[in-house]
Protein backbone atom coordinates (compact mmCIF):
# COMPACT_ATOMS: atom_id res chain seq x y z
CA MET A 1 -50.31 -35.24 18.12
CA GLU A 2 -46.66 -36.01 18.72
CA ASP A 3 -46.83 -38.96 16.29
CA ALA A 4 -48.46 -36.76 13.65
CA THR A 5 -45.77 -34.11 14.06
CA MET A 6 -43.01 -36.71 13.79
CA ASN A 7 -44.62 -38.13 10.65
CA GLU A 8 -44.71 -34.67 9.11
CA VAL A 9 -41.02 -34.18 9.87
CA LEU A 10 -40.14 -37.55 8.35
CA ALA A 11 -42.24 -36.81 5.27
CA ARG A 12 -40.45 -33.51 4.74
CA ALA A 13 -37.09 -35.21 5.22
CA GLU A 14 -37.92 -37.71 2.47
CA VAL A 15 -38.45 -34.99 -0.13
CA MET A 16 -35.62 -32.71 0.93
CA PRO A 17 -32.22 -33.45 -0.64
CA PRO A 18 -29.21 -34.13 1.55
CA ASP A 19 -27.13 -31.04 2.20
CA MET A 20 -23.81 -30.63 0.37
CA ASP A 21 -20.69 -29.98 2.40
CA LEU A 22 -18.26 -28.48 -0.10
CA LYS A 23 -15.47 -28.45 2.47
CA VAL A 24 -15.05 -32.23 2.76
CA PRO A 25 -12.23 -33.98 0.89
CA ARG A 26 -13.18 -35.18 -2.60
CA ALA A 27 -16.32 -33.03 -2.74
CA ASN A 28 -15.37 -32.33 -6.36
CA ALA A 29 -14.87 -35.97 -7.33
CA ASN A 30 -18.47 -36.71 -8.35
CA PRO A 31 -20.76 -33.87 -7.30
CA TRP A 32 -23.46 -34.56 -9.90
CA PRO A 33 -25.87 -36.83 -7.95
CA LYS A 34 -26.08 -34.43 -5.00
CA LEU A 35 -26.27 -31.41 -7.30
CA LYS A 36 -29.14 -33.00 -9.20
CA ALA A 37 -30.98 -33.77 -5.96
CA VAL A 38 -30.66 -30.14 -4.86
CA GLN A 39 -31.58 -28.88 -8.33
CA ASP A 40 -34.72 -30.99 -8.57
CA ALA A 41 -35.89 -30.30 -5.04
CA ASP A 42 -35.48 -26.55 -4.68
CA PRO A 43 -34.26 -23.80 -7.04
CA VAL A 44 -33.18 -21.73 -4.03
CA PHE A 45 -31.80 -24.19 -1.47
CA TRP A 46 -30.51 -23.20 1.95
CA SER A 47 -27.34 -25.11 2.88
CA ASP A 48 -26.73 -25.43 6.59
CA CYS A 49 -23.27 -26.84 5.81
CA GLN A 50 -22.17 -23.77 3.86
CA GLN A 51 -24.49 -21.25 5.53
CA ALA A 52 -25.37 -20.08 2.05
CA TRP A 53 -28.05 -20.28 -0.63
CA PHE A 54 -27.46 -22.77 -3.46
CA ILE A 55 -28.70 -21.63 -6.88
CA SER A 56 -28.42 -24.58 -9.27
CA ARG A 57 -30.87 -24.31 -12.17
CA HIS A 58 -29.59 -22.94 -15.48
CA GLU A 59 -32.12 -20.12 -15.78
CA ASP A 60 -31.53 -18.97 -12.21
CA VAL A 61 -27.73 -19.22 -12.30
CA LYS A 62 -27.72 -17.18 -15.50
CA ALA A 63 -30.02 -14.60 -13.92
CA GLY A 64 -27.86 -14.52 -10.80
CA PHE A 65 -24.75 -13.67 -12.81
CA MET A 66 -26.54 -10.59 -14.15
CA ASP A 67 -28.39 -9.55 -10.98
CA ARG A 68 -26.90 -6.36 -9.54
CA ARG A 69 -28.45 -7.13 -6.17
CA LEU A 70 -25.73 -9.79 -5.88
CA SER A 71 -22.18 -8.55 -5.34
CA ALA A 72 -19.10 -10.28 -6.76
CA ASP A 73 -16.93 -8.82 -3.97
CA ARG A 74 -15.50 -12.05 -2.55
CA VAL A 75 -12.97 -10.14 -0.45
CA THR A 76 -15.57 -9.18 2.13
CA PHE A 77 -16.80 -12.77 2.23
CA LEU A 78 -13.29 -14.17 2.67
CA PHE A 79 -11.76 -11.63 5.04
CA GLY A 80 -14.60 -9.77 6.73
CA ALA A 81 -14.25 -11.76 9.96
CA LEU A 82 -10.49 -11.25 10.33
CA PRO A 83 -9.43 -9.31 13.44
CA GLU A 84 -7.95 -5.89 12.83
CA GLU A 85 -4.35 -6.92 13.52
CA LEU A 86 -4.56 -9.59 10.81
CA LYS A 87 -6.23 -7.20 8.38
CA LYS A 88 -3.24 -4.92 8.86
CA LYS A 89 -0.79 -7.79 8.34
CA TYR A 90 -2.50 -8.87 5.13
CA GLU A 91 -3.13 -5.34 3.88
CA PRO A 92 -1.58 -5.96 0.42
CA ILE A 93 -4.10 -8.75 -0.22
CA LEU A 94 -6.98 -6.62 1.02
CA PHE A 95 -5.77 -3.74 -1.15
CA TYR A 96 -5.16 -5.56 -4.45
CA PHE A 97 -7.81 -8.29 -4.51
CA PRO A 98 -10.73 -5.80 -4.60
CA GLN A 99 -9.10 -4.34 -7.72
CA TRP A 100 -9.41 -7.66 -9.57
CA VAL A 101 -12.01 -7.15 -12.27
CA VAL A 102 -13.63 -10.53 -11.47
CA LEU A 103 -14.33 -9.33 -7.91
CA MET A 104 -15.73 -5.93 -8.87
CA ASP A 105 -19.28 -4.67 -9.25
CA ALA A 106 -20.56 -2.03 -11.65
CA PRO A 107 -19.86 0.79 -12.32
CA ARG A 108 -16.22 0.30 -11.34
CA HIS A 109 -16.18 -3.09 -13.05
CA THR A 110 -17.45 -1.52 -16.29
CA ARG A 111 -14.65 1.03 -16.35
CA VAL A 112 -11.80 -1.44 -15.71
CA ARG A 113 -13.19 -4.13 -18.01
CA LYS A 114 -13.42 -1.69 -20.94
CA LEU A 115 -9.75 -0.85 -20.48
CA LEU A 116 -8.69 -4.50 -20.14
CA LEU A 117 -10.56 -5.41 -23.32
CA LYS A 118 -8.08 -3.23 -25.21
CA GLY A 119 -5.58 -6.05 -24.66
CA PHE A 120 -7.94 -8.83 -25.79
CA THR A 121 -8.97 -7.67 -29.24
CA LYS A 122 -9.49 -10.26 -31.96
CA PRO A 123 -6.29 -9.26 -33.83
CA ILE A 124 -4.25 -9.67 -30.62
CA ILE A 125 -5.73 -13.12 -29.87
CA ASP A 126 -5.50 -14.25 -33.51
CA GLY A 127 -1.87 -13.14 -33.50
CA LEU A 128 -1.15 -15.69 -30.77
CA ALA A 129 -2.27 -18.67 -32.87
CA ASP A 130 1.16 -19.59 -34.24
CA PHE A 131 2.88 -19.08 -30.88
CA THR A 132 0.25 -21.21 -29.12
CA GLN A 133 0.52 -23.95 -31.74
CA GLY A 134 4.28 -23.95 -31.31
CA ILE A 135 3.97 -24.48 -27.55
CA VAL A 136 1.37 -27.23 -28.06
CA ASP A 137 3.70 -29.01 -30.50
CA GLU A 138 6.68 -28.61 -28.16
CA LEU A 139 4.82 -30.05 -25.18
CA LEU A 140 3.22 -32.89 -27.14
CA ASP A 141 6.65 -33.81 -28.51
CA GLU A 142 7.78 -34.24 -24.90
CA VAL A 143 4.67 -36.28 -24.08
CA GLU A 144 5.31 -38.50 -27.10
CA VAL A 145 8.88 -39.17 -25.99
CA SER A 146 7.89 -39.87 -22.37
CA GLY A 147 4.73 -41.85 -23.04
CA THR A 148 3.74 -41.70 -19.39
CA VAL A 149 3.26 -38.24 -17.88
CA GLU A 150 1.73 -36.42 -14.96
CA PHE A 151 -0.49 -34.41 -17.29
CA ILE A 152 -1.31 -31.49 -14.99
CA THR A 153 2.33 -30.62 -14.28
CA GLU A 154 3.89 -31.55 -17.61
CA TYR A 155 1.26 -30.16 -19.98
CA ALA A 156 -1.82 -28.49 -18.51
CA PHE A 157 0.16 -26.14 -16.28
CA LYS A 158 2.80 -25.25 -18.83
CA LEU A 159 0.69 -24.40 -21.89
CA PRO A 160 -1.43 -21.55 -20.46
CA ALA A 161 1.51 -20.38 -18.33
CA TYR A 162 3.83 -20.04 -21.31
CA VAL A 163 1.12 -18.26 -23.32
CA ILE A 164 0.12 -15.71 -20.66
CA MET A 165 3.77 -15.14 -19.72
CA HIS A 166 4.50 -14.45 -23.38
CA MET A 167 1.58 -12.02 -23.54
CA LEU A 168 2.77 -10.14 -20.45
CA GLY A 169 6.41 -10.26 -21.45
CA VAL A 170 7.45 -12.42 -18.48
CA PRO A 171 10.63 -14.34 -19.45
CA ARG A 172 10.30 -18.13 -19.44
CA HIS A 173 13.11 -18.57 -16.90
CA MET A 174 10.64 -17.15 -14.36
CA TYR A 175 8.23 -20.07 -14.90
CA ASP A 176 8.79 -21.67 -11.50
CA GLU A 177 8.12 -18.38 -9.71
CA PHE A 178 5.07 -17.75 -11.88
CA LYS A 179 3.76 -21.23 -11.06
CA GLY A 180 4.21 -20.69 -7.34
CA TRP A 181 2.44 -17.32 -7.35
CA SER A 182 -0.47 -18.69 -9.33
CA LEU A 183 -0.90 -21.77 -7.14
CA ASP A 184 -0.78 -19.78 -3.91
CA MET A 185 -3.40 -17.26 -5.03
CA ALA A 186 -5.65 -19.96 -6.52
CA ARG A 187 -5.62 -21.96 -3.27
CA LEU A 188 -6.78 -18.94 -1.29
CA VAL A 189 -9.45 -17.79 -3.75
CA GLY A 190 -10.92 -21.28 -4.03
CA ALA A 191 -10.72 -22.19 -0.35
CA PRO A 192 -14.06 -22.86 1.38
CA GLU A 193 -12.46 -21.25 4.45
CA PRO A 194 -9.18 -19.29 4.33
CA THR A 195 -6.44 -20.34 6.74
CA LEU A 196 -3.52 -18.32 8.09
CA GLU A 197 -1.17 -20.58 6.14
CA LEU A 198 -2.98 -19.77 2.88
CA LEU A 199 -2.95 -16.07 3.73
CA ASP A 200 0.79 -16.13 4.44
CA GLN A 201 1.51 -17.91 1.16
CA THR A 202 -0.66 -15.50 -0.80
CA LEU A 203 0.88 -12.47 0.88
CA ARG A 204 4.33 -13.58 -0.28
CA ALA A 205 2.97 -14.30 -3.76
CA VAL A 206 1.36 -10.86 -4.09
CA ASN A 207 4.47 -9.02 -2.87
CA ASP A 208 6.86 -11.03 -5.05
CA MET A 209 4.68 -10.81 -8.13
CA ASN A 210 4.21 -7.07 -7.71
CA ALA A 211 7.98 -6.57 -7.51
CA ALA A 212 8.53 -8.55 -10.71
CA ILE A 213 5.65 -6.97 -12.65
CA SER A 214 6.58 -3.44 -11.50
CA LYS A 215 9.99 -3.95 -13.07
CA LEU A 216 8.41 -5.13 -16.32
CA ILE A 217 5.99 -2.18 -16.35
CA ALA A 218 8.90 0.25 -15.99
CA GLU A 219 10.70 -1.50 -18.86
CA ARG A 220 7.61 -1.30 -21.11
CA ARG A 221 7.08 2.36 -20.34
CA ALA A 222 10.67 3.04 -21.41
CA GLU A 223 10.63 0.61 -24.33
CA PRO A 224 7.15 -0.50 -25.52
CA LYS A 225 6.74 -3.93 -27.12
CA GLU A 226 4.01 -5.76 -29.02
CA ASP A 227 2.61 -7.53 -25.97
CA LEU A 228 -0.38 -7.45 -23.64
CA LEU A 229 1.43 -5.54 -20.89
CA THR A 230 2.28 -2.68 -23.25
CA ALA A 231 -1.32 -2.67 -24.51
CA LEU A 232 -2.65 -2.37 -20.96
CA ILE A 233 -0.19 0.39 -20.06
CA HIS A 234 -1.31 2.42 -23.06
CA ALA A 235 -5.01 1.47 -22.97
CA VAL A 236 -7.18 4.60 -23.07
CA ASP A 237 -10.96 4.90 -22.92
CA GLU A 238 -12.34 8.42 -23.18
CA GLY A 239 -9.16 9.76 -21.62
CA ASP A 240 -9.17 7.20 -18.80
CA THR A 241 -6.24 4.83 -18.15
CA LEU A 242 -5.26 2.18 -15.62
CA ASN A 243 -3.14 3.51 -12.76
CA GLU A 244 -0.09 1.64 -11.46
CA ASP A 245 -1.95 -0.31 -8.78
CA GLU A 246 -4.71 -1.25 -11.23
CA LEU A 247 -2.07 -2.52 -13.64
CA LEU A 248 -0.54 -4.70 -10.92
CA ALA A 249 -3.93 -6.03 -9.83
CA SER A 250 -4.90 -6.71 -13.45
CA CYS A 251 -1.70 -8.66 -14.07
CA GLN A 252 -2.39 -10.72 -10.94
CA VAL A 253 -5.89 -11.67 -12.03
CA LEU A 254 -4.89 -12.27 -15.66
CA MET A 255 -2.16 -14.65 -14.53
CA LEU A 256 -4.57 -16.45 -12.22
CA ALA A 257 -7.76 -16.50 -14.30
CA GLY A 258 -5.99 -17.00 -17.62
CA HIS A 259 -3.92 -19.80 -16.20
CA GLU A 260 -5.70 -21.75 -13.47
CA THR A 261 -8.97 -21.98 -15.40
CA THR A 262 -7.32 -23.43 -18.49
CA ILE A 263 -5.24 -25.91 -16.45
CA ASN A 264 -8.42 -27.47 -15.11
CA MET A 265 -10.21 -27.32 -18.46
CA LEU A 266 -7.35 -29.26 -20.04
CA GLY A 267 -7.29 -31.85 -17.25
CA ASN A 268 -11.06 -32.34 -17.03
CA GLY A 269 -11.39 -32.40 -20.82
CA LEU A 270 -8.72 -35.05 -21.31
CA LEU A 271 -10.28 -37.12 -18.53
CA GLU A 272 -13.59 -37.24 -20.40
CA LEU A 273 -11.98 -37.98 -23.77
CA ILE A 274 -10.23 -40.97 -22.18
CA ARG A 275 -13.42 -42.13 -20.50
CA HIS A 276 -15.44 -41.75 -23.74
CA ARG A 277 -13.63 -43.67 -26.43
CA ALA A 278 -16.32 -43.04 -29.06
CA GLN A 279 -15.95 -39.28 -28.67
CA TRP A 280 -12.14 -39.54 -28.88
CA GLU A 281 -12.52 -41.33 -32.22
CA GLN A 282 -15.23 -38.95 -33.42
CA LEU A 283 -12.98 -35.95 -32.83
CA ARG A 284 -10.00 -37.74 -34.38
CA ASP A 285 -11.96 -38.62 -37.52
CA ASN A 286 -13.77 -35.27 -37.74
CA PRO A 287 -11.33 -32.54 -36.67
CA GLU A 288 -13.69 -29.87 -38.00
CA ILE A 289 -15.98 -30.45 -34.98
CA VAL A 290 -13.31 -29.40 -32.48
CA ARG A 291 -15.10 -26.19 -31.48
CA THR A 292 -18.41 -27.87 -30.70
CA ALA A 293 -16.51 -30.69 -28.98
CA ILE A 294 -14.79 -28.18 -26.69
CA GLU A 295 -18.11 -26.54 -25.76
CA GLU A 296 -19.56 -29.94 -24.88
CA LEU A 297 -16.52 -30.96 -22.84
CA LEU A 298 -16.76 -27.67 -20.93
CA ARG A 299 -20.46 -28.27 -20.28
CA TYR A 300 -20.16 -31.91 -19.30
CA ASN A 301 -17.32 -31.67 -16.76
CA ASN A 302 -17.43 -28.01 -15.91
CA VAL A 303 -14.41 -26.39 -14.30
CA VAL A 304 -16.34 -23.50 -12.75
CA GLY A 305 -18.01 -24.87 -9.65
CA SER A 306 -19.69 -22.19 -7.56
CA LEU A 307 -19.14 -18.49 -7.92
CA VAL A 308 -19.83 -16.75 -4.64
CA ARG A 309 -22.01 -13.68 -4.39
CA GLU A 310 -23.28 -11.57 -1.47
CA ALA A 311 -26.76 -10.05 -1.34
CA LEU A 312 -26.64 -6.26 -1.29
CA GLU A 313 -30.28 -5.92 -0.22
CA ASP A 314 -33.29 -7.94 0.91
CA PHE A 315 -35.27 -9.57 -1.89
CA GLU A 316 -37.42 -12.59 -2.67
CA TRP A 317 -36.32 -15.38 -5.01
CA HIS A 318 -38.66 -18.26 -5.82
CA GLY A 319 -40.54 -17.59 -2.61
CA LYS A 320 -37.42 -17.55 -0.44
CA GLN A 321 -36.42 -14.45 1.51
CA ILE A 322 -32.84 -13.49 0.69
CA LYS A 323 -31.48 -11.11 3.31
CA LYS A 324 -28.86 -8.41 2.87
CA GLY A 325 -25.48 -9.98 3.61
CA ASP A 326 -26.59 -13.52 2.75
CA VAL A 327 -24.06 -15.59 0.80
CA VAL A 328 -25.27 -17.02 -2.51
CA TYR A 329 -23.54 -19.79 -4.49
CA LEU A 330 -24.19 -19.64 -8.24
CA MET A 331 -23.54 -23.29 -9.11
CA ALA A 332 -22.52 -23.23 -12.76
CA TYR A 333 -21.51 -26.88 -12.75
CA ALA A 334 -25.05 -27.85 -11.77
CA ALA A 335 -26.59 -25.48 -14.32
CA ASN A 336 -24.59 -27.07 -17.13
CA ARG A 337 -26.35 -30.39 -16.47
CA ASP A 338 -29.87 -29.02 -16.06
CA LEU A 339 -32.45 -31.32 -17.67
CA ARG A 340 -34.66 -28.28 -18.23
CA VAL A 341 -32.14 -27.04 -20.81
CA TYR A 342 -30.20 -30.08 -22.01
CA GLU A 343 -31.60 -33.34 -23.32
CA ASP A 344 -29.76 -36.25 -21.68
CA PRO A 345 -27.52 -33.85 -19.72
CA ASP A 346 -25.42 -36.68 -18.28
CA THR A 347 -24.40 -37.82 -21.77
CA LEU A 348 -21.31 -36.44 -23.52
CA ASN A 349 -22.62 -35.60 -26.99
CA PHE A 350 -20.46 -33.79 -29.54
CA ASP A 351 -23.52 -33.46 -31.81
CA ARG A 352 -25.48 -31.48 -29.23
CA LYS A 353 -27.35 -28.58 -30.82
CA ASN A 354 -28.36 -26.37 -27.90
CA GLN A 355 -24.96 -25.40 -26.58
CA PHE A 356 -25.50 -22.71 -23.96
CA PRO A 357 -23.06 -23.72 -21.23
CA LEU A 358 -22.29 -21.25 -18.47
CA SER A 359 -18.66 -22.34 -18.46
CA PHE A 360 -17.29 -18.82 -18.95
CA GLY A 361 -20.07 -17.03 -17.11
CA PRO A 362 -22.68 -14.76 -18.76
CA GLY A 363 -23.32 -11.09 -18.12
CA ILE A 364 -20.80 -8.46 -17.10
CA HIS A 365 -18.36 -11.06 -15.75
CA PHE A 366 -18.17 -13.04 -19.00
CA CYS A 367 -14.57 -14.30 -19.13
CA LEU A 368 -12.20 -11.80 -20.77
CA GLY A 369 -9.91 -14.51 -22.04
CA ASN A 370 -12.54 -16.97 -23.27
CA GLN A 371 -11.31 -16.90 -26.89
CA LEU A 372 -7.72 -17.49 -25.79
CA ALA A 373 -8.77 -20.41 -23.57
CA ARG A 374 -10.80 -21.92 -26.40
CA MET A 375 -7.81 -21.62 -28.73
CA GLU A 376 -5.55 -23.42 -26.26
CA LEU A 377 -8.13 -26.18 -25.74
CA GLU A 378 -8.86 -26.64 -29.44
CA LYS A 379 -5.21 -26.90 -30.41
CA SER A 380 -4.45 -29.22 -27.48
CA PHE A 381 -7.23 -31.77 -27.98
CA ALA A 382 -6.98 -31.71 -31.77
CA GLY A 383 -3.26 -32.44 -31.39
CA ILE A 384 -3.72 -35.19 -28.81
CA VAL A 385 -6.28 -37.25 -30.76
CA LYS A 386 -4.26 -36.78 -33.96
CA ARG A 387 -0.98 -37.99 -32.43
CA PHE A 388 -2.13 -40.76 -30.11
CA GLU A 389 -4.23 -43.86 -30.61
CA ARG A 390 -5.56 -43.70 -27.07
CA ALA A 391 -4.63 -42.86 -23.51
CA GLU A 392 -5.24 -44.57 -20.19
CA ILE A 393 -5.61 -43.31 -16.65
CA LEU A 394 -2.94 -44.68 -14.32
CA ASP A 395 -4.36 -43.35 -11.04
CA ASP A 396 -6.39 -45.75 -8.93
CA GLU A 397 -8.17 -42.74 -7.46
CA LEU A 398 -8.18 -39.30 -9.05
CA ASP A 399 -6.68 -36.52 -6.93
CA TRP A 400 -9.36 -33.79 -7.02
CA ASN A 401 -8.80 -30.37 -5.48
CA ASN A 402 -11.21 -28.95 -2.90
CA SER A 403 -11.75 -25.56 -4.56
CA ILE A 404 -15.34 -24.36 -4.54
CA VAL A 405 -14.55 -22.05 -7.48
CA LEU A 406 -12.39 -23.99 -9.97
CA ARG A 407 -12.88 -27.78 -10.04
CA GLY A 408 -9.89 -29.75 -11.19
CA MET A 409 -7.29 -32.35 -10.36
CA ASN A 410 -4.09 -31.71 -8.44
CA SER A 411 -2.39 -34.44 -10.45
CA PHE A 412 -3.39 -36.76 -13.30
CA ASN A 413 -1.12 -39.61 -14.37
CA VAL A 414 -1.73 -40.72 -17.94
CA LYS A 415 -0.14 -43.18 -20.36
CA PHE A 416 -0.39 -42.12 -24.01
CA HIS A 417 -0.30 -44.86 -26.64
CA PRO A 418 1.20 -43.92 -30.02
CA LYS A 419 -0.67 -44.67 -33.20
CA THR A 420 -0.04 -48.07 -34.70
CA GLU A 421 -0.90 -46.92 -38.19
CA ASN A 422 -1.29 -43.72 -40.15
CA ARG A 423 -4.77 -42.36 -40.41
């Protein structure tokens, strides 16, 4: 009987995938084999390492994004276990983070999102095309002169920062401060487990950013300009407006989401163009495919890793009992390589027809700035393959971050080779 029981245990172990510990260093370096094992074995997989449910199949991740039984309130997940004295110390974080639209649930989310959309109309985004192209040209000029660059710092960080700062009316001389605020908040939001050091850094970032943005808000109220901040101040929906704290929280999340996401998209995208010479040449020779190329790059090496949700009630999912309070990871990066949706999902294919990546998230949390991000990516990669013959990776080992939310590299050293002939 004991032998039979042991055999049953061993048989189950053979079919169950190994657990994924997202907290270990370099968990983001090559997650695909483990993600595929989880995806194939169980659509609703319990992770002992994370003490959470892993949802990895495209259909289920998409459904999870739109399921109102799953809350986007990551603040409770991150800070619920803090003792009261620390909650008091970090009160500004606990006050402003729940007012980030990406961490809200309906109906509050619906109200704030409708007001924020007033600043992301098509005319406003289209009006940024020339400014964005100018920044791309300026930064690529510098890359061309240097030849060898740390791409994340010298290009990927600067482009979206300069664009969102321009939109909010933040002067460029504040770039270093802006960069620090963004990095500190991103580290906390993406941390598998928050530390006191991360909380202290983020507390300073929130307080300093609020002081700077409050000054800009006062200036725009006195003297409106043609920028996003003025649009948000004056946004009205059926008589409703954003109050002062909502404006501050919205500026925080726009700086973070509109900046950190694009940084990693630029880094991951360039990495794959370098690794796939045929696709570099295809984009260079056929610039009209840049939009479909961007969608495929976003699918293939997805920036969005796992978006964390909390169950608001008990329910059953694929035969598994999800309990109220359970943590659920919607694994978009696994969904974007689901064989049930994509033929040859592990192949980078710019001619792919069924492009339904979950890179910007479906449902009510569909990325507000997706068109702006796409514009920045299109202009960047079109410019890179047009200017340079090729590029090579100088790092012996890529320096991946450990964020469970936004996958990307901390640094990326690249040598760009100029064209040897006109094309």
